[in-house]
C-alpha cells in the first residue's frame, strides 16, 4: 500500500511539473508618432497587425492602447505619444525570439521609428477552464 501511495504521489508531482512548463511573456511597445510627420493610423496599425504580427503569431496575442513618454535621443526632449502595447506568451525558443525581433525591425523600418521597447519576463502562467 505504501508503495502505491508513493508511486501515485510521484505521478501527481510529475504531472504538476509538466503542466507548469516555463513560459515567457514579451511586451512590445510601439510608438505611433512618425518622426517625419503624422501618426500611424488605425488602418495602418490594423494592416501591420494582420500582415506582420498575426503572420508570426497566429496562435494569438493581446493588444492594448497606452500613452508613453520617452526622451528623444536626438532632441533631448521628453515626448508623449500614443502607443500600442502587444503582449505575447509562449515557450522561450530561438524561433520565437527571432520572430519577435523580425516584428520590431519591420515596424521600425515601415514607420521610421528610432526603436521599439521590448520587455521579457518569466511569469507564472495558469489557464483556468470552465469546470
N, C-alpha and C. Protein backbone atom coordinates (compact mmCIF):
# COMPACT_ATOMS: atom_id res chain seq x y z
N UNK A 1 0.82 -1.19 0.00
CA UNK A 1 0.00 0.00 0.00
C UNK A 1 0.87 1.26 0.00
N UNK A 2 1.94 1.25 0.81
CA UNK A 2 2.83 2.40 0.89
C UNK A 2 3.49 2.65 -0.47
N UNK A 3 3.88 1.59 -1.18
CA UNK A 3 4.49 1.71 -2.50
C UNK A 3 3.51 2.33 -3.49
N UNK A 4 2.25 1.95 -3.43
CA UNK A 4 1.23 2.50 -4.31
C UNK A 4 1.04 3.99 -4.04
N UNK A 5 1.00 4.39 -2.75
CA UNK A 5 0.86 5.81 -2.41
C UNK A 5 2.06 6.61 -2.90
N UNK A 6 3.25 6.05 -2.75
CA UNK A 6 4.46 6.73 -3.21
C UNK A 6 4.44 6.88 -4.73
N UNK A 7 4.07 5.83 -5.44
CA UNK A 7 4.00 5.88 -6.90
C UNK A 7 2.96 6.90 -7.35
N UNK A 8 1.82 6.93 -6.68
CA UNK A 8 0.77 7.88 -7.01
C UNK A 8 1.24 9.32 -6.76
N UNK A 9 1.93 9.54 -5.64
CA UNK A 9 2.45 10.87 -5.32
C UNK A 9 3.46 11.33 -6.35
N UNK A 10 4.36 10.44 -6.78
CA UNK A 10 5.36 10.77 -7.79
C UNK A 10 4.67 11.10 -9.11
N UNK A 11 3.65 10.34 -9.48
CA UNK A 11 2.93 10.59 -10.73
C UNK A 11 2.24 11.95 -10.71
N UNK A 12 1.59 12.29 -9.61
CA UNK A 12 0.91 13.58 -9.48
C UNK A 12 1.93 14.71 -9.53
N UNK A 13 3.07 14.55 -8.82
CA UNK A 13 4.11 15.58 -8.83
C UNK A 13 4.65 15.79 -10.24
N UNK A 14 4.86 14.70 -10.99
CA UNK A 14 5.35 14.81 -12.37
C UNK A 14 4.34 15.52 -13.25
N UNK A 15 3.06 15.23 -13.07
CA UNK A 15 2.01 15.88 -13.84
C UNK A 15 1.99 17.38 -13.55
N UNK A 16 2.14 17.76 -12.30
CA UNK A 16 2.16 19.18 -11.93
C UNK A 16 3.35 19.87 -12.57
N UNK A 17 4.52 19.26 -12.52
CA UNK A 17 5.71 19.86 -13.13
C UNK A 17 5.53 20.03 -14.63
N UNK A 18 4.96 19.04 -15.29
CA UNK A 18 4.74 19.12 -16.73
C UNK A 18 3.78 20.24 -17.09
N UNK A 19 2.74 20.44 -16.28
CA UNK A 19 1.76 21.47 -16.59
C UNK A 19 2.27 22.88 -16.29
N UNK A 20 3.39 23.01 -15.57
CA UNK A 20 3.96 24.30 -15.23
C UNK A 20 5.18 24.60 -16.10
N UNK A 21 5.11 24.27 -17.38
CA UNK A 21 6.24 24.49 -18.28
C UNK A 21 6.63 25.97 -18.28
N UNK A 22 7.91 26.20 -18.45
CA UNK A 22 8.42 27.57 -18.46
C UNK A 22 7.81 28.35 -19.61
N UNK A 23 7.28 29.50 -19.27
CA UNK A 23 6.70 30.39 -20.28
C UNK A 23 7.45 31.71 -20.25
N UNK A 24 7.39 32.42 -21.35
CA UNK A 24 7.98 33.74 -21.43
C UNK A 24 6.89 34.71 -21.85
N UNK A 25 6.87 35.85 -21.18
CA UNK A 25 5.98 36.94 -21.56
C UNK A 25 6.85 38.01 -22.21
N UNK A 26 6.42 38.45 -23.37
CA UNK A 26 7.12 39.54 -24.04
C UNK A 26 6.12 40.64 -24.33
N UNK A 27 6.46 41.85 -23.91
CA UNK A 27 5.66 43.04 -24.21
C UNK A 27 6.47 43.89 -25.19
N UNK A 28 5.84 44.25 -26.30
CA UNK A 28 6.45 45.16 -27.27
C UNK A 28 5.67 46.47 -27.24
N UNK A 29 6.40 47.59 -27.16
CA UNK A 29 5.80 48.92 -27.10
C UNK A 29 6.09 49.63 -28.41
N UNK A 30 5.03 49.88 -29.18
CA UNK A 30 5.14 50.52 -30.49
C UNK A 30 4.62 51.95 -30.40
N UNK A 31 5.52 52.93 -30.47
CA UNK A 31 5.10 54.32 -30.53
C UNK A 31 4.45 54.59 -31.88
N UNK A 32 3.46 55.48 -31.90
CA UNK A 32 2.73 55.73 -33.15
C UNK A 32 3.05 57.07 -33.80
N UNK A 33 3.90 57.90 -33.17
CA UNK A 33 4.34 59.14 -33.83
C UNK A 33 5.34 58.76 -34.92
N UNK A 34 5.19 59.35 -36.08
CA UNK A 34 6.15 59.13 -37.17
C UNK A 34 7.07 60.35 -37.20
N UNK A 35 8.38 60.16 -37.01
CA UNK A 35 9.31 61.29 -36.92
C UNK A 35 9.26 62.24 -38.12
N UNK A 36 8.95 61.72 -39.30
CA UNK A 36 8.88 62.57 -40.48
C UNK A 36 7.56 63.31 -40.59
N UNK A 37 6.65 63.08 -39.63
CA UNK A 37 5.36 63.77 -39.60
C UNK A 37 4.19 62.82 -39.56
N UNK A 38 3.20 63.17 -38.80
CA UNK A 38 1.98 62.37 -38.71
C UNK A 38 2.09 61.25 -37.70
N UNK A 39 1.09 60.39 -37.75
CA UNK A 39 0.99 59.25 -36.83
C UNK A 39 0.58 58.00 -37.60
N UNK A 40 0.89 56.86 -37.03
CA UNK A 40 0.40 55.60 -37.58
C UNK A 40 -1.11 55.60 -37.38
N UNK A 41 -1.84 55.45 -38.46
CA UNK A 41 -3.31 55.47 -38.38
C UNK A 41 -3.83 54.12 -37.89
N UNK A 42 -5.10 54.11 -37.49
CA UNK A 42 -5.73 52.85 -37.08
C UNK A 42 -5.68 51.84 -38.22
N UNK A 43 -5.93 52.31 -39.44
CA UNK A 43 -5.90 51.42 -40.60
C UNK A 43 -4.49 50.85 -40.82
N UNK A 44 -3.46 51.70 -40.73
CA UNK A 44 -2.08 51.23 -40.89
C UNK A 44 -1.71 50.23 -39.79
N UNK A 45 -2.14 50.50 -38.56
CA UNK A 45 -1.85 49.59 -37.46
C UNK A 45 -2.53 48.25 -37.69
N UNK A 46 -3.80 48.27 -38.10
CA UNK A 46 -4.52 47.02 -38.37
C UNK A 46 -3.84 46.22 -39.47
N UNK A 47 -3.42 46.91 -40.53
CA UNK A 47 -2.72 46.23 -41.62
C UNK A 47 -1.40 45.63 -41.14
N UNK A 48 -0.69 46.35 -40.27
CA UNK A 48 0.56 45.83 -39.72
C UNK A 48 0.29 44.59 -38.86
N UNK A 49 -0.73 44.67 -38.02
CA UNK A 49 -1.09 43.52 -37.17
C UNK A 49 -1.47 42.31 -38.02
N UNK A 50 -2.39 42.54 -38.97
CA UNK A 50 -2.88 41.44 -39.80
C UNK A 50 -1.79 40.85 -40.69
N UNK A 51 -0.94 41.73 -41.25
CA UNK A 51 0.05 41.26 -42.21
C UNK A 51 1.37 40.81 -41.60
N UNK A 52 1.72 41.34 -40.42
CA UNK A 52 3.02 41.01 -39.84
C UNK A 52 2.87 40.24 -38.52
N UNK A 53 2.24 40.86 -37.52
CA UNK A 53 2.20 40.23 -36.20
C UNK A 53 1.45 38.90 -36.24
N UNK A 54 0.26 38.89 -36.83
CA UNK A 54 -0.53 37.66 -36.88
C UNK A 54 0.17 36.60 -37.72
N UNK A 55 0.93 37.01 -38.72
CA UNK A 55 1.70 36.05 -39.53
C UNK A 55 2.68 35.27 -38.65
N UNK A 56 3.38 35.98 -37.75
CA UNK A 56 4.35 35.33 -36.87
C UNK A 56 3.70 34.63 -35.67
N UNK A 57 2.56 35.15 -35.20
CA UNK A 57 1.92 34.61 -34.00
C UNK A 57 0.43 34.35 -34.25
N UNK A 58 0.11 33.38 -35.14
CA UNK A 58 -1.31 33.10 -35.42
C UNK A 58 -2.05 32.54 -34.21
N UNK A 59 -1.30 32.03 -33.21
CA UNK A 59 -1.95 31.48 -32.00
C UNK A 59 -2.50 32.58 -31.11
N UNK A 60 -2.09 33.83 -31.35
CA UNK A 60 -2.70 34.95 -30.65
C UNK A 60 -1.76 35.80 -29.82
N UNK A 61 -2.26 36.94 -29.44
CA UNK A 61 -1.54 37.93 -28.63
C UNK A 61 -2.57 38.90 -28.09
N UNK A 62 -2.15 39.77 -27.19
CA UNK A 62 -3.05 40.77 -26.62
C UNK A 62 -2.53 42.15 -26.97
N UNK A 63 -3.42 43.03 -27.35
CA UNK A 63 -3.06 44.39 -27.77
C UNK A 63 -3.79 45.39 -26.87
N UNK A 64 -3.04 46.40 -26.39
CA UNK A 64 -3.60 47.41 -25.51
C UNK A 64 -3.14 48.79 -25.98
N UNK A 65 -4.05 49.77 -25.94
CA UNK A 65 -3.69 51.16 -26.23
C UNK A 65 -3.13 51.79 -24.96
N UNK A 66 -2.08 52.59 -25.11
CA UNK A 66 -1.46 53.27 -23.97
C UNK A 66 -0.93 54.62 -24.43
N UNK A 67 -0.46 55.40 -23.48
CA UNK A 67 0.25 56.64 -23.78
C UNK A 67 1.63 56.49 -23.16
N UNK A 68 2.65 56.67 -23.97
CA UNK A 68 4.02 56.52 -23.48
C UNK A 68 4.76 57.85 -23.47
N UNK A 69 5.74 57.93 -22.61
CA UNK A 69 6.62 59.10 -22.56
C UNK A 69 8.05 58.59 -22.59
N UNK A 70 8.86 59.24 -23.37
CA UNK A 70 10.25 58.84 -23.50
C UNK A 70 11.09 60.03 -23.96
N UNK A 71 12.40 59.95 -23.72
CA UNK A 71 13.28 61.04 -24.12
C UNK A 71 13.84 60.76 -25.51
N UNK A 72 13.59 61.67 -26.42
CA UNK A 72 14.12 61.58 -27.78
C UNK A 72 15.65 61.74 -27.69
N UNK A 73 16.38 60.76 -28.20
CA UNK A 73 17.84 60.79 -28.10
C UNK A 73 18.47 61.88 -28.95
N UNK A 74 17.76 62.35 -29.96
CA UNK A 74 18.31 63.40 -30.83
C UNK A 74 18.02 64.80 -30.30
N UNK A 75 16.77 65.04 -29.90
CA UNK A 75 16.38 66.39 -29.47
C UNK A 75 16.51 66.59 -27.96
N UNK A 76 16.68 65.50 -27.20
CA UNK A 76 16.73 65.53 -25.73
C UNK A 76 15.44 66.08 -25.12
N UNK A 77 14.35 65.98 -25.84
CA UNK A 77 13.02 66.40 -25.38
C UNK A 77 12.24 65.16 -24.93
N UNK A 78 11.43 65.32 -23.87
CA UNK A 78 10.54 64.25 -23.46
C UNK A 78 9.31 64.28 -24.35
N UNK A 79 9.06 63.18 -25.00
CA UNK A 79 7.98 63.06 -25.98
C UNK A 79 6.85 62.24 -25.36
N UNK A 80 5.63 62.66 -25.61
CA UNK A 80 4.44 61.90 -25.21
C UNK A 80 3.77 61.43 -26.50
N UNK A 81 3.44 60.17 -26.56
CA UNK A 81 2.79 59.67 -27.78
C UNK A 81 1.89 58.49 -27.49
N UNK A 82 0.89 58.34 -28.35
CA UNK A 82 0.05 57.16 -28.26
C UNK A 82 0.92 55.95 -28.60
N UNK A 83 0.64 54.85 -27.91
CA UNK A 83 1.47 53.66 -28.01
C UNK A 83 0.58 52.43 -28.08
N UNK A 84 1.02 51.45 -28.81
CA UNK A 84 0.37 50.15 -28.85
C UNK A 84 1.26 49.19 -28.09
N UNK A 85 0.71 48.53 -27.07
CA UNK A 85 1.45 47.52 -26.32
C UNK A 85 0.90 46.16 -26.73
N UNK A 86 1.78 45.30 -27.20
CA UNK A 86 1.38 43.97 -27.64
C UNK A 86 2.09 42.94 -26.75
N UNK A 87 1.29 42.04 -26.16
CA UNK A 87 1.81 41.04 -25.24
C UNK A 87 1.70 39.66 -25.85
N UNK A 88 2.79 38.90 -25.74
CA UNK A 88 2.87 37.54 -26.25
C UNK A 88 3.24 36.61 -25.11
N UNK A 89 2.64 35.42 -25.06
CA UNK A 89 3.01 34.37 -24.12
C UNK A 89 3.41 33.14 -24.91
N UNK A 90 4.49 32.51 -24.50
CA UNK A 90 4.91 31.29 -25.18
C UNK A 90 6.16 30.72 -24.56
N UNK A 91 6.53 29.55 -25.02
CA UNK A 91 7.75 28.93 -24.55
C UNK A 91 8.94 29.67 -25.17
N UNK A 92 9.96 29.97 -24.38
CA UNK A 92 11.12 30.69 -24.92
C UNK A 92 11.93 29.79 -25.85
N UNK A 93 11.97 30.18 -27.12
CA UNK A 93 12.75 29.44 -28.12
C UNK A 93 13.50 30.43 -29.00
N UNK A 94 14.49 29.93 -29.72
CA UNK A 94 15.23 30.78 -30.66
C UNK A 94 14.29 31.27 -31.77
N UNK A 95 13.39 30.43 -32.22
CA UNK A 95 12.46 30.80 -33.29
C UNK A 95 11.52 31.92 -32.84
N UNK A 96 11.01 31.79 -31.61
CA UNK A 96 10.11 32.82 -31.06
C UNK A 96 10.86 34.15 -30.93
N UNK A 97 12.07 34.10 -30.44
CA UNK A 97 12.89 35.29 -30.28
C UNK A 97 13.14 35.95 -31.63
N UNK A 98 13.46 35.15 -32.63
CA UNK A 98 13.70 35.69 -33.98
C UNK A 98 12.43 36.32 -34.55
N UNK A 99 11.27 35.72 -34.30
CA UNK A 99 10.01 36.27 -34.78
C UNK A 99 9.72 37.63 -34.14
N UNK A 100 9.95 37.72 -32.83
CA UNK A 100 9.74 39.00 -32.13
C UNK A 100 10.68 40.07 -32.68
N UNK A 101 11.94 39.72 -32.90
CA UNK A 101 12.89 40.67 -33.46
C UNK A 101 12.49 41.09 -34.88
N UNK A 102 11.98 40.17 -35.67
CA UNK A 102 11.53 40.50 -37.04
C UNK A 102 10.38 41.49 -37.01
N UNK A 103 9.43 41.27 -36.10
CA UNK A 103 8.29 42.19 -35.98
C UNK A 103 8.78 43.59 -35.66
N UNK A 104 9.68 43.71 -34.68
CA UNK A 104 10.15 45.04 -34.28
C UNK A 104 10.92 45.71 -35.41
N UNK A 105 11.76 44.98 -36.11
CA UNK A 105 12.53 45.57 -37.21
C UNK A 105 11.63 46.03 -38.36
N UNK A 106 10.60 45.25 -38.65
CA UNK A 106 9.67 45.64 -39.71
C UNK A 106 8.92 46.92 -39.34
N UNK A 107 8.53 47.03 -38.07
CA UNK A 107 7.83 48.24 -37.62
C UNK A 107 8.76 49.45 -37.68
N UNK A 108 9.99 49.28 -37.20
CA UNK A 108 10.96 50.38 -37.22
C UNK A 108 11.18 50.88 -38.65
N UNK A 109 11.36 49.97 -39.58
CA UNK A 109 11.58 50.36 -40.98
C UNK A 109 10.33 50.99 -41.61
N UNK A 110 9.18 50.34 -41.42
CA UNK A 110 7.95 50.81 -42.08
C UNK A 110 7.53 52.20 -41.59
N UNK A 111 7.69 52.45 -40.28
CA UNK A 111 7.19 53.70 -39.71
C UNK A 111 8.30 54.64 -39.21
N UNK A 112 9.54 54.38 -39.66
CA UNK A 112 10.68 55.27 -39.42
C UNK A 112 10.90 55.55 -37.93
N UNK A 113 10.82 54.49 -37.11
CA UNK A 113 10.96 54.64 -35.66
C UNK A 113 12.43 54.57 -35.24
N UNK A 114 12.76 55.21 -34.12
CA UNK A 114 14.10 55.07 -33.55
C UNK A 114 14.27 53.69 -32.90
N UNK A 115 13.19 53.22 -32.26
CA UNK A 115 13.27 51.94 -31.56
C UNK A 115 11.88 51.44 -31.20
N UNK A 116 11.82 50.20 -30.76
CA UNK A 116 10.62 49.59 -30.17
C UNK A 116 11.09 48.99 -28.85
N UNK A 117 10.39 49.29 -27.76
CA UNK A 117 10.75 48.75 -26.45
C UNK A 117 10.28 47.31 -26.35
N UNK A 118 11.17 46.44 -25.88
CA UNK A 118 10.83 45.03 -25.66
C UNK A 118 11.16 44.68 -24.22
N UNK A 119 10.19 44.07 -23.53
CA UNK A 119 10.38 43.60 -22.17
C UNK A 119 10.05 42.12 -22.11
N UNK A 120 10.99 41.30 -21.64
CA UNK A 120 10.79 39.87 -21.47
C UNK A 120 10.74 39.55 -19.97
N UNK A 121 9.83 38.67 -19.60
CA UNK A 121 9.74 38.22 -18.21
C UNK A 121 9.28 36.77 -18.18
N UNK A 122 9.44 36.15 -17.02
CA UNK A 122 9.04 34.75 -16.85
C UNK A 122 7.93 34.69 -15.81
N UNK A 123 6.69 34.80 -16.26
CA UNK A 123 5.57 34.80 -15.31
C UNK A 123 5.15 33.38 -14.93
N UNK A 124 4.38 33.30 -13.88
CA UNK A 124 3.71 32.04 -13.56
C UNK A 124 2.41 32.07 -14.36
N UNK A 125 2.19 31.05 -15.14
CA UNK A 125 1.04 31.02 -16.05
C UNK A 125 0.14 29.84 -15.69
N UNK A 126 -1.15 30.13 -15.64
CA UNK A 126 -2.13 29.09 -15.36
C UNK A 126 -3.38 29.41 -16.16
N UNK A 127 -3.78 28.51 -17.03
CA UNK A 127 -5.03 28.67 -17.77
C UNK A 127 -6.13 28.01 -16.95
N UNK A 128 -7.18 28.76 -16.68
CA UNK A 128 -8.30 28.25 -15.90
C UNK A 128 -9.45 27.98 -16.85
N UNK A 129 -9.92 26.76 -16.86
CA UNK A 129 -11.01 26.36 -17.73
C UNK A 129 -12.30 26.21 -16.94
N UNK A 130 -13.38 26.23 -17.66
CA UNK A 130 -14.69 26.03 -17.03
C UNK A 130 -14.75 24.63 -16.46
N UNK A 131 -15.28 24.51 -15.24
CA UNK A 131 -15.38 23.20 -14.60
C UNK A 131 -16.78 22.67 -14.65
